[in-house]
């Protein structure tokens, strides 16, 4: 998911017309493996593209929490509104950041992207409040787990990894992803 988030930033820079972008990066829990992997992925995508010097991040931990995502973003925006984007390692934090961005009068002016594909984030993409999210397909994850369980029950060794591809969700494909999210999370 971090690689997809980094690719989204690279595309954002290309479409912005700016040489360098500065943004808020809401991280999860300090030292937690998922947070580290996502952060490493973002930075790897940018480094692999040779664009490390074209991005500046103000990183803060918000513990994957919506309220903390909002308060951290409010604090940052109270000091400066000269950010080009906000990204977060989950949708709860980006939705909290969205509330802060709206309060600051910057809604629609500051591209924002999270990770998960929660129904509320998908609705915010449909309305134009969020730019994107990286979909973490719960159906695909369950299917991968079942494949491994069946292989084990049949006496074979399941693959060491069963990777479920992450998918960037934008206005272009949000309805397709929302159908999956509705099945998984309900209405």
C-alpha atoms as a PDB file:
ATOM      1  CA  UNK A   1       0.000   0.000   0.000  1.00  0.00           C
ATOM      2  CA  UNK A   2       2.891   2.363   0.692  1.00  0.00           C
ATOM      3  CA  UNK A   3       4.232   1.843  -2.819  1.00  0.00           C
ATOM      4  CA  UNK A   4       0.799   2.739  -4.268  1.00  0.00           C
ATOM      5  CA  UNK A   5       0.621   5.790  -2.010  1.00  0.00           C
ATOM      6  CA  UNK A   6       4.084   6.858  -3.190  1.00  0.00           C
ATOM      7  CA  UNK A   7       3.078   6.366  -6.839  1.00  0.00           C
ATOM      8  CA  UNK A   8       0.020   8.552  -6.206  1.00  0.00           C
ATOM      9  CA  UNK A   9       2.354  11.290  -4.916  1.00  0.00           C
ATOM     10  CA  UNK A  10       4.576  10.965  -7.978  1.00  0.00           C
ATOM     11  CA  UNK A  11       1.552  11.343 -10.255  1.00  0.00           C
ATOM     12  CA  UNK A  12       0.311  14.274  -8.159  1.00  0.00           C
ATOM     13  CA  UNK A  13       3.632  16.059  -8.597  1.00  0.00           C
ATOM     14  CA  UNK A  14       3.587  15.426 -12.348  1.00  0.00           C
ATOM     15  CA  UNK A  15       0.097  16.917 -12.672  1.00  0.00           C
ATOM     16  CA  UNK A  16       0.734  19.826 -10.283  1.00  0.00           C
ATOM     17  CA  UNK A  17       3.211  21.706 -12.432  1.00  0.00           C
ATOM     18  CA  UNK A  18       5.390  22.226  -9.355  1.00  0.00           C
ATOM     19  CA  UNK A  19       8.981  21.102  -9.066  1.00  0.00           C
ATOM     20  CA  UNK A  20       8.756  20.213  -5.369  1.00  0.00           C
ATOM     21  CA  UNK A  21       5.821  19.285  -3.149  1.00  0.00           C
ATOM     22  CA  UNK A  22       5.512  19.653   0.610  1.00  0.00           C
ATOM     23  CA  UNK A  23       2.936  17.689   2.520  1.00  0.00           C
ATOM     24  CA  UNK A  24       1.596  16.336   5.752  1.00  0.00           C
ATOM     25  CA  UNK A  25       2.154  12.617   6.303  1.00  0.00           C
ATOM     26  CA  UNK A  26       0.051  11.085   9.072  1.00  0.00           C
ATOM     27  CA  UNK A  27       1.715   7.947  10.362  1.00  0.00           C
ATOM     28  CA  UNK A  28       0.134   5.192  12.451  1.00  0.00           C
ATOM     29  CA  UNK A  29       1.679   3.862  15.647  1.00  0.00           C
ATOM     30  CA  UNK A  30       5.401   4.482  16.162  1.00  0.00           C
ATOM     31  CA  UNK A  31       7.386   1.273  15.732  1.00  0.00           C
ATOM     32  CA  UNK A  32       4.414  -0.756  14.469  1.00  0.00           C
ATOM     33  CA  UNK A  33       5.270  -3.028  11.506  1.00  0.00           C
ATOM     34  CA  UNK A  34       2.421  -1.928   9.223  1.00  0.00           C
ATOM     35  CA  UNK A  35       3.233   1.739   9.733  1.00  0.00           C
ATOM     36  CA  UNK A  36       6.915   1.129   9.032  1.00  0.00           C
ATOM     37  CA  UNK A  37       6.146  -0.943   5.911  1.00  0.00           C
ATOM     38  CA  UNK A  38       3.794   1.703   4.521  1.00  0.00           C
ATOM     39  CA  UNK A  39       6.235   4.513   5.202  1.00  0.00           C
ATOM     40  CA  UNK A  40       9.101   2.523   3.666  1.00  0.00           C
ATOM     41  CA  UNK A  41       6.918   1.850   0.603  1.00  0.00           C
ATOM     42  CA  UNK A  42       6.078   5.536   0.099  1.00  0.00           C
ATOM     43  CA  UNK A  43       9.725   6.520   0.329  1.00  0.00           C
ATOM     44  CA  UNK A  44      10.898   3.605  -1.854  1.00  0.00           C
ATOM     45  CA  UNK A  45       8.503   4.541  -4.663  1.00  0.00           C
ATOM     46  CA  UNK A  46       9.788   8.111  -4.596  1.00  0.00           C
ATOM     47  CA  UNK A  47      13.447   7.039  -4.371  1.00  0.00           C
ATOM     48  CA  UNK A  48      13.050   4.491  -7.186  1.00  0.00           C
ATOM     49  CA  UNK A  49      11.673   7.302  -9.363  1.00  0.00           C
ATOM     50  CA  UNK A  50      14.727   9.442  -8.505  1.00  0.00           C
ATOM     51  CA  UNK A  51      12.514  12.089  -6.880  1.00  0.00           C
ATOM     52  CA  UNK A  52      13.589  12.041  -3.234  1.00  0.00           C
ATOM     53  CA  UNK A  53      14.601  15.706  -3.360  1.00  0.00           C
ATOM     54  CA  UNK A  54      11.216  16.666  -4.870  1.00  0.00           C
ATOM     55  CA  UNK A  55       9.150  15.835  -1.780  1.00  0.00           C
ATOM     56  CA  UNK A  56       9.217  17.215   1.735  1.00  0.00           C
ATOM     57  CA  UNK A  57       7.158  15.538   4.445  1.00  0.00           C
ATOM     58  CA  UNK A  58       6.092  16.817   7.821  1.00  0.00           C
ATOM     59  CA  UNK A  59       5.452  13.480   9.542  1.00  0.00           C
ATOM     60  CA  UNK A  60       3.414  13.032  12.686  1.00  0.00           C
ATOM     61  CA  UNK A  61       2.047   9.922  14.371  1.00  0.00           C
ATOM     62  CA  UNK A  62      -1.715   9.857  14.865  1.00  0.00           C
ATOM     63  CA  UNK A  63      -2.093   6.223  16.008  1.00  0.00           C
ATOM     64  CA  UNK A  64      -4.484   5.251  13.166  1.00  0.00           C
ATOM     65  CA  UNK A  65      -7.108   7.300  15.021  1.00  0.00           C
ATOM     66  CA  UNK A  66      -9.558   9.690  13.338  1.00  0.00           C
ATOM     67  CA  UNK A  67      -9.680  12.164  16.229  1.00  0.00           C
ATOM     68  CA  UNK A  68      -5.902  12.253  16.484  1.00  0.00           C
ATOM     69  CA  UNK A  69      -5.636  12.620  12.697  1.00  0.00           C
ATOM     70  CA  UNK A  70      -7.882  15.659  12.944  1.00  0.00           C
ATOM     71  CA  UNK A  71      -6.085  17.249  15.902  1.00  0.00           C
ATOM     72  CA  UNK A  72      -2.610  16.681  14.450  1.00  0.00           C
ATOM     73  CA  UNK A  73      -3.680  18.171  11.115  1.00  0.00           C
ATOM     74  CA  UNK A  74      -5.387  21.119  12.831  1.00  0.00           C
ATOM     75  CA  UNK A  75      -2.179  21.814  14.732  1.00  0.00           C
ATOM     76  CA  UNK A  76      -0.080  21.694  11.566  1.00  0.00           C
ATOM     77  CA  UNK A  77      -2.482  23.876   9.589  1.00  0.00           C
ATOM     78  CA  UNK A  78      -2.580  26.432  12.414  1.00  0.00           C
ATOM     79  CA  UNK A  79       1.148  26.961  11.857  1.00  0.00           C
ATOM     80  CA  UNK A  80       1.051  26.957   8.051  1.00  0.00           C
ATOM     81  CA  UNK A  81      -1.375  26.247   5.246  1.00  0.00           C
ATOM     82  CA  UNK A  82       1.330  26.052   2.599  1.00  0.00           C
ATOM     83  CA  UNK A  83       1.064  22.281   2.128  1.00  0.00           C
ATOM     84  CA  UNK A  84       0.484  20.671  -1.249  1.00  0.00           C
ATOM     85  CA  UNK A  85      -1.060  17.413  -0.016  1.00  0.00           C
ATOM     86  CA  UNK A  86      -2.010  15.253   2.945  1.00  0.00           C
ATOM     87  CA  UNK A  87      -1.442  11.497   3.023  1.00  0.00           C
ATOM     88  CA  UNK A  88      -2.182   9.031   5.797  1.00  0.00           C
ATOM     89  CA  UNK A  89      -1.403   5.402   6.521  1.00  0.00           C
ATOM     90  CA  UNK A  90      -5.107   4.669   6.965  1.00  0.00           C
ATOM     91  CA  UNK A  91      -8.503   6.081   6.067  1.00  0.00           C
ATOM     92  CA  UNK A  92      -9.517   6.958   9.624  1.00  0.00           C
ATOM     93  CA  UNK A  93      -6.602   9.392   9.914  1.00  0.00           C
ATOM     94  CA  UNK A  94      -7.244  10.881   6.451  1.00  0.00           C
ATOM     95  CA  UNK A  95     -10.921  11.366   7.321  1.00  0.00           C
ATOM     96  CA  UNK A  96      -9.861  13.163  10.501  1.00  0.00           C
ATOM     97  CA  UNK A  97      -7.457  15.272   8.444  1.00  0.00           C
ATOM     98  CA  UNK A  98     -10.296  16.018   6.016  1.00  0.00           C
ATOM     99  CA  UNK A  99     -12.338  17.527   8.856  1.00  0.00           C
ATOM    100  CA  UNK A 100      -9.376  19.770   9.736  1.00  0.00           C
ATOM    101  CA  UNK A 101      -8.826  20.731   6.089  1.00  0.00           C
ATOM    102  CA  UNK A 102     -12.517  21.656   5.777  1.00  0.00           C
ATOM    103  CA  UNK A 103     -12.327  23.777   8.958  1.00  0.00           C
ATOM    104  CA  UNK A 104      -9.321  25.592   7.492  1.00  0.00           C
ATOM    105  CA  UNK A 105     -11.272  26.368   4.306  1.00  0.00           C
ATOM    106  CA  UNK A 106      -8.933  24.252   2.195  1.00  0.00           C
ATOM    107  CA  UNK A 107     -11.351  21.540   1.078  1.00  0.00           C
ATOM    108  CA  UNK A 108     -10.861  20.764  -2.592  1.00  0.00           C
ATOM    109  CA  UNK A 109      -7.613  22.740  -2.667  1.00  0.00           C
ATOM    110  CA  UNK A 110      -5.377  20.179  -0.963  1.00  0.00           C
ATOM    111  CA  UNK A 111      -5.186  16.694  -2.526  1.00  0.00           C
ATOM    112  CA  UNK A 112      -5.565  13.944   0.063  1.00  0.00           C
ATOM    113  CA  UNK A 113      -5.061  10.167   0.002  1.00  0.00           C
ATOM    114  CA  UNK A 114      -5.369   7.444   2.629  1.00  0.00           C
ATOM    115  CA  UNK A 115      -5.203   3.653   2.786  1.00  0.00           C
ATOM    116  CA  UNK A 116      -7.938   1.026   3.322  1.00  0.00           C
ATOM    117  CA  UNK A 117     -10.985   1.780   1.205  1.00  0.00           C
ATOM    118  CA  UNK A 118     -13.460   2.334   4.031  1.00  0.00           C
ATOM    119  CA  UNK A 119     -16.990   3.134   2.825  1.00  0.00           C
ATOM    120  CA  UNK A 120     -16.835   6.646   4.304  1.00  0.00           C
ATOM    121  CA  UNK A 121     -13.586   7.366   2.455  1.00  0.00           C
ATOM    122  CA  UNK A 122     -15.107   6.046  -0.765  1.00  0.00           C
ATOM    123  CA  UNK A 123     -18.103   8.353  -0.269  1.00  0.00           C
ATOM    124  CA  UNK A 124     -15.672  11.263   0.255  1.00  0.00           C
ATOM    125  CA  UNK A 125     -13.949  10.379  -3.026  1.00  0.00           C
ATOM    126  CA  UNK A 126     -17.329  10.346  -4.792  1.00  0.00           C
ATOM    127  CA  UNK A 127     -18.168  13.779  -3.375  1.00  0.00           C
ATOM    128  CA  UNK A 128     -14.754  15.172  -4.319  1.00  0.00           C
ATOM    129  CA  UNK A 129     -13.615  15.777  -0.740  1.00  0.00           C
ATOM    130  CA  UNK A 130     -10.849  13.142  -0.920  1.00  0.00           C
ATOM    131  CA  UNK A 131      -8.678  12.540  -3.949  1.00  0.00           C
ATOM    132  CA  UNK A 132      -7.963   8.858  -3.454  1.00  0.00           C
ATOM    133  CA  UNK A 133      -7.384   5.914  -1.166  1.00  0.00           C
ATOM    134  CA  UNK A 134      -5.387   2.727  -1.565  1.00  0.00           C
ATOM    135  CA  UNK A 135      -7.830  -0.181  -1.400  1.00  0.00           C
ATOM    136  CA  UNK A 136      -6.882  -3.050   0.834  1.00  0.00           C
ATOM    137  CA  UNK A 137      -9.251  -5.692  -0.545  1.00  0.00           C
ATOM    138  CA  UNK A 138     -10.798  -7.608   2.392  1.00  0.00           C
ATOM    139  CA  UNK A 139     -12.446 -10.134   0.049  1.00  0.00           C
ATOM    140  CA  UNK A 140      -9.108 -10.822  -1.621  1.00  0.00           C
ATOM    141  CA  UNK A 141      -7.412 -11.160   1.748  1.00  0.00           C
ATOM    142  CA  UNK A 142     -10.031 -13.645   2.940  1.00  0.00           C
ATOM    143  CA  UNK A 143      -9.723 -15.626  -0.295  1.00  0.00           C
ATOM    144  CA  UNK A 144      -5.939 -15.778   0.121  1.00  0.00           C
ATOM    145  CA  UNK A 145      -6.323 -17.028   3.688  1.00  0.00           C
ATOM    146  CA  UNK A 146      -8.780 -19.678   2.556  1.00  0.00           C
ATOM    147  CA  UNK A 147      -6.429 -20.805  -0.231  1.00  0.00           C
ATOM    148  CA  UNK A 148      -3.670 -21.304   2.326  1.00  0.00           C
ATOM    149  CA  UNK A 149      -6.016 -23.154   4.709  1.00  0.00           C
ATOM    150  CA  UNK A 150      -7.300 -25.486   1.983  1.00  0.00           C
ATOM    151  CA  UNK A 151      -3.765 -26.252   0.810  1.00  0.00           C
ATOM    152  CA  UNK A 152      -2.758 -27.046   4.371  1.00  0.00           C
ATOM    153  CA  UNK A 153      -5.816 -29.252   4.966  1.00  0.00           C
ATOM    154  CA  UNK A 154      -5.108 -31.127   1.733  1.00  0.00           C
ATOM    155  CA  UNK A 155      -1.609 -31.886   2.977  1.00  0.00           C
ATOM    156  CA  UNK A 156       0.334 -29.557   0.719  1.00  0.00           C
ATOM    157  CA  UNK A 157       2.457 -26.645   1.788  1.00  0.00           C
ATOM    158  CA  UNK A 158       0.757 -23.339   1.049  1.00  0.00           C
ATOM    159  CA  UNK A 159       2.814 -20.668  -0.707  1.00  0.00           C
ATOM    160  CA  UNK A 160       5.010 -18.657   1.631  1.00  0.00           C
ATOM    161  CA  UNK A 161       3.201 -15.516   0.507  1.00  0.00           C
ATOM    162  CA  UNK A 162      -0.158 -14.973  -1.125  1.00  0.00           C
ATOM    163  CA  UNK A 163      -0.092 -11.352  -2.173  1.00  0.00           C
ATOM    164  CA  UNK A 164      -3.330  -9.461  -2.627  1.00  0.00           C
ATOM    165  CA  UNK A 165      -2.629  -6.455  -4.857  1.00  0.00           C
ATOM    166  CA  UNK A 166      -3.457  -3.028  -3.506  1.00  0.00           C
ATOM    167  CA  UNK A 167      -5.460  -0.801  -5.825  1.00  0.00           C
ATOM    168  CA  UNK A 168      -5.619   2.971  -6.051  1.00  0.00           C
ATOM    169  CA  UNK A 169      -9.201   4.225  -5.835  1.00  0.00           C
ATOM    170  CA  UNK A 170     -10.117   7.502  -7.516  1.00  0.00           C
ATOM    171  CA  UNK A 171     -13.335   8.947  -8.950  1.00  0.00           C
ATOM    172  CA  UNK A 172     -12.682   6.786 -12.017  1.00  0.00           C
ATOM    173  CA  UNK A 173     -13.142   3.444 -10.237  1.00  0.00           C
ATOM    174  CA  UNK A 174     -14.783   4.303  -6.910  1.00  0.00           C
ATOM    175  CA  UNK A 175     -18.152   2.742  -7.811  1.00  0.00           C
ATOM    176  CA  UNK A 176     -16.535  -0.613  -8.597  1.00  0.00           C
ATOM    177  CA  UNK A 177     -14.608  -0.614  -5.307  1.00  0.00           C
ATOM    178  CA  UNK A 178     -17.638   0.650  -3.360  1.00  0.00           C
ATOM    179  CA  UNK A 179     -19.551  -2.470  -4.455  1.00  0.00           C
ATOM    180  CA  UNK A 180     -16.892  -4.656  -2.804  1.00  0.00           C
ATOM    181  CA  UNK A 181     -16.720  -2.453   0.295  1.00  0.00           C
ATOM    182  CA  UNK A 182     -20.503  -2.544   0.689  1.00  0.00           C
ATOM    183  CA  UNK A 183     -20.479  -6.360   0.584  1.00  0.00           C
ATOM    184  CA  UNK A 184     -17.739  -6.489   3.212  1.00  0.00           C
ATOM    185  CA  UNK A 185     -18.653  -3.627   5.539  1.00  0.00           C
ATOM    186  CA  UNK A 186     -22.403  -3.363   4.887  1.00  0.00           C
ATOM    187  CA  UNK A 187     -24.229  -0.143   4.287  1.00  0.00           C
END
